[in-house]
Amino acid sequence: MLIEIINLNRDNEFIEANNENSLINLKNTFYKTYQISFDEQIWFYNNVMLTSSEDISKVNKLSLFIKNSFLTLQIEMKDKKIYKLPLINKNLLIKQLKKIIENKFNLTDFNIFKNNLKLEEKKEINDYHITENSILNIKKEVSKYQIT
């Protein structure tokens, strides 16, 4: 099934999803994968808004409108390569963002920086006024007791 993701902050994006038989399952998938809460997901089929209980097993294309609380972020690794992250909620804690990066890139013991400022785990992305397509830097944690 093809899903068109509509977000007012950026160009529409298309992704392929496994055929789901119910919208509730698809909403759960988007919640687990992208941390997009049910309240922020508005689903359409042929320009008609869907309810969570509808059968979508025979549908081949859906549209998902995401309320405007999400960003696309990029991360720059030590090797200077830049990678795009999935949609990220602006209200996500930095600690949760670290978990997403950890899982996606199989990283451990790192910090996230924006303009050389270390982002604190207990704060939200919003606290740093991070904007669409911002590039965050990933740096390995260095123990103050490490001997070089």
Protein backbone atom coordinates (compact mmCIF):
# COMPACT_ATOMS: atom_id res chain seq x y z
CA MET A 1 0.00 0.00 0.00
CA LEU A 2 1.29 3.46 -0.88
CA ILE A 3 1.02 6.16 1.77
CA GLU A 4 1.38 9.84 0.99
CA ILE A 5 2.56 11.75 4.04
CA ILE A 6 1.39 15.35 4.02
CA ASN A 7 3.08 17.83 6.30
CA LEU A 8 2.69 21.59 5.99
CA ASN A 9 6.37 22.21 6.76
CA ARG A 10 7.79 20.29 3.83
CA ASP A 11 7.20 18.46 0.57
CA ASN A 12 4.94 15.45 0.55
CA GLU A 13 6.67 12.13 1.03
CA PHE A 14 5.61 8.70 -0.23
CA ILE A 15 6.33 5.45 1.55
CA GLU A 16 5.36 1.87 0.92
CA ALA A 17 3.70 0.03 3.80
CA ASN A 18 2.76 -3.57 4.38
CA ASN A 19 -0.86 -4.21 3.61
CA GLU A 20 -2.72 -3.60 6.82
CA ASN A 21 -6.30 -4.73 7.26
CA SER A 22 -7.36 -2.00 9.64
CA LEU A 23 -6.56 1.64 10.11
CA ILE A 24 -6.00 1.13 13.82
CA ASN A 25 -3.11 -1.25 13.02
CA LEU A 26 -1.62 1.26 10.62
CA LYS A 27 -1.93 4.05 13.21
CA ASN A 28 -0.18 1.82 15.74
CA THR A 29 2.63 1.16 13.26
CA PHE A 30 3.14 4.89 12.70
CA TYR A 31 3.07 5.49 16.43
CA LYS A 32 5.68 2.81 17.13
CA THR A 33 7.91 3.69 14.19
CA TYR A 34 7.74 7.49 14.14
CA GLN A 35 6.28 8.38 17.58
CA ILE A 36 3.35 10.11 15.85
CA SER A 37 0.47 9.96 18.32
CA PHE A 38 -3.02 9.00 17.21
CA ASP A 39 -4.22 12.58 17.72
CA GLU A 40 -1.63 13.86 15.26
CA GLN A 41 -2.54 11.38 12.51
CA ILE A 42 -5.38 12.30 10.17
CA TRP A 43 -5.98 9.63 7.52
CA PHE A 44 -7.75 10.04 4.16
CA TYR A 45 -8.83 7.80 1.32
CA ASN A 46 -9.97 9.56 -1.88
CA ASN A 47 -10.11 12.85 0.05
CA VAL A 48 -12.50 11.43 2.66
CA MET A 49 -11.36 11.36 6.28
CA LEU A 50 -11.24 7.86 7.77
CA THR A 51 -12.09 6.69 11.26
CA SER A 52 -9.89 4.29 13.24
CA SER A 53 -12.34 1.40 12.86
CA GLU A 54 -12.39 1.24 9.05
CA ASP A 55 -11.31 -1.77 7.01
CA ILE A 56 -8.52 -0.75 4.63
CA SER A 57 -7.54 -4.18 3.35
CA LYS A 58 -8.58 -3.41 -0.26
CA VAL A 59 -7.10 0.09 -0.37
CA ASN A 60 -3.94 0.65 -2.41
CA LYS A 61 -3.24 4.30 -1.51
CA LEU A 62 -3.89 6.39 1.60
CA SER A 63 -2.96 9.90 2.60
CA LEU A 64 -1.75 10.80 6.05
CA PHE A 65 -1.90 14.40 7.19
CA ILE A 66 0.38 15.02 10.12
CA LYS A 67 -0.44 17.90 12.39
CA ASN A 68 2.37 20.38 12.31
CA SER A 69 4.43 19.19 15.24
CA PHE A 70 7.00 17.13 13.35
CA LEU A 71 10.38 17.81 11.80
CA THR A 72 12.74 16.12 9.45
CA LEU A 73 16.19 16.20 10.99
CA GLN A 74 19.58 15.18 9.73
CA ILE A 75 22.55 13.93 11.67
CA GLU A 76 26.21 14.29 10.85
CA MET A 77 28.40 11.45 11.98
CA LYS A 78 32.09 11.52 12.85
CA ASP A 79 32.95 10.56 9.26
CA LYS A 80 31.17 13.78 8.09
CA LYS A 81 28.43 11.80 6.34
CA ILE A 82 24.94 13.22 6.78
CA TYR A 83 21.92 10.96 7.30
CA LYS A 84 18.23 11.80 7.30
CA LEU A 85 16.15 10.71 10.30
CA PRO A 86 12.50 9.67 10.16
CA LEU A 87 9.89 12.25 11.14
CA ILE A 88 10.60 13.44 14.67
CA ASN A 89 8.10 15.01 17.05
CA LYS A 90 9.18 18.49 18.18
CA ASN A 91 8.13 17.58 21.74
CA LEU A 92 10.31 14.50 21.89
CA LEU A 93 12.85 14.38 24.70
CA ILE A 94 16.49 14.39 23.63
CA LYS A 95 16.80 11.11 25.51
CA GLN A 96 14.13 9.61 23.20
CA LEU A 97 15.84 11.07 20.14
CA LYS A 98 19.07 9.38 21.26
CA LYS A 99 17.18 6.08 21.46
CA ILE A 100 15.91 6.49 17.87
CA ILE A 101 19.43 7.24 16.63
CA GLU A 102 20.84 4.39 18.70
CA ASN A 103 18.39 1.91 17.12
CA LYS A 104 18.67 3.21 13.57
CA PHE A 105 22.48 3.42 13.46
CA ASN A 106 23.45 0.87 16.10
CA LEU A 107 25.30 3.48 18.17
CA THR A 108 26.06 3.62 21.88
CA ASP A 109 27.69 6.13 24.20
CA PHE A 110 27.20 9.30 22.17
CA ASN A 111 25.92 12.83 22.61
CA ILE A 112 23.93 15.06 20.29
CA PHE A 113 25.08 18.59 19.52
CA LYS A 114 23.61 21.56 17.70
CA ASN A 115 26.07 24.37 16.89
CA ASN A 116 28.56 22.88 19.37
CA LEU A 117 25.96 22.95 22.16
CA LYS A 118 25.39 19.58 23.82
CA LEU A 119 21.67 18.79 23.93
CA GLU A 120 20.55 17.74 27.40
CA GLU A 121 18.64 14.45 27.64
CA LYS A 122 15.93 15.85 29.92
CA LYS A 123 15.01 18.64 27.49
CA GLU A 124 12.77 18.51 24.43
CA ILE A 125 13.79 19.21 20.85
CA ASN A 126 11.55 22.27 21.00
CA ASP A 127 13.62 23.72 23.85
CA TYR A 128 16.50 24.24 21.42
CA HIS A 129 14.46 25.89 18.65
CA ILE A 130 15.61 23.27 16.18
CA THR A 131 14.05 23.83 12.77
CA GLU A 132 13.13 21.70 9.76
CA ASN A 133 16.15 19.96 8.14
CA SER A 134 18.54 21.05 10.89
CA ILE A 135 21.76 19.10 11.05
CA LEU A 136 22.64 17.68 14.45
CA ASN A 137 26.11 16.38 15.21
CA ILE A 138 26.78 13.03 16.83
CA LYS A 139 29.89 12.73 18.98
CA LYS A 140 31.10 9.80 21.01
CA GLU A 141 31.06 10.32 24.77
CA VAL A 142 34.52 10.60 26.24
CA SER A 143 34.92 9.59 29.84
CA LYS A 144 36.78 12.13 31.93
CA TYR A 145 38.71 9.17 33.36
CA GLN A 146 39.75 7.78 30.00
CA ILE A 147 43.50 7.43 29.56
CA THR A 148 44.85 8.28 26.12
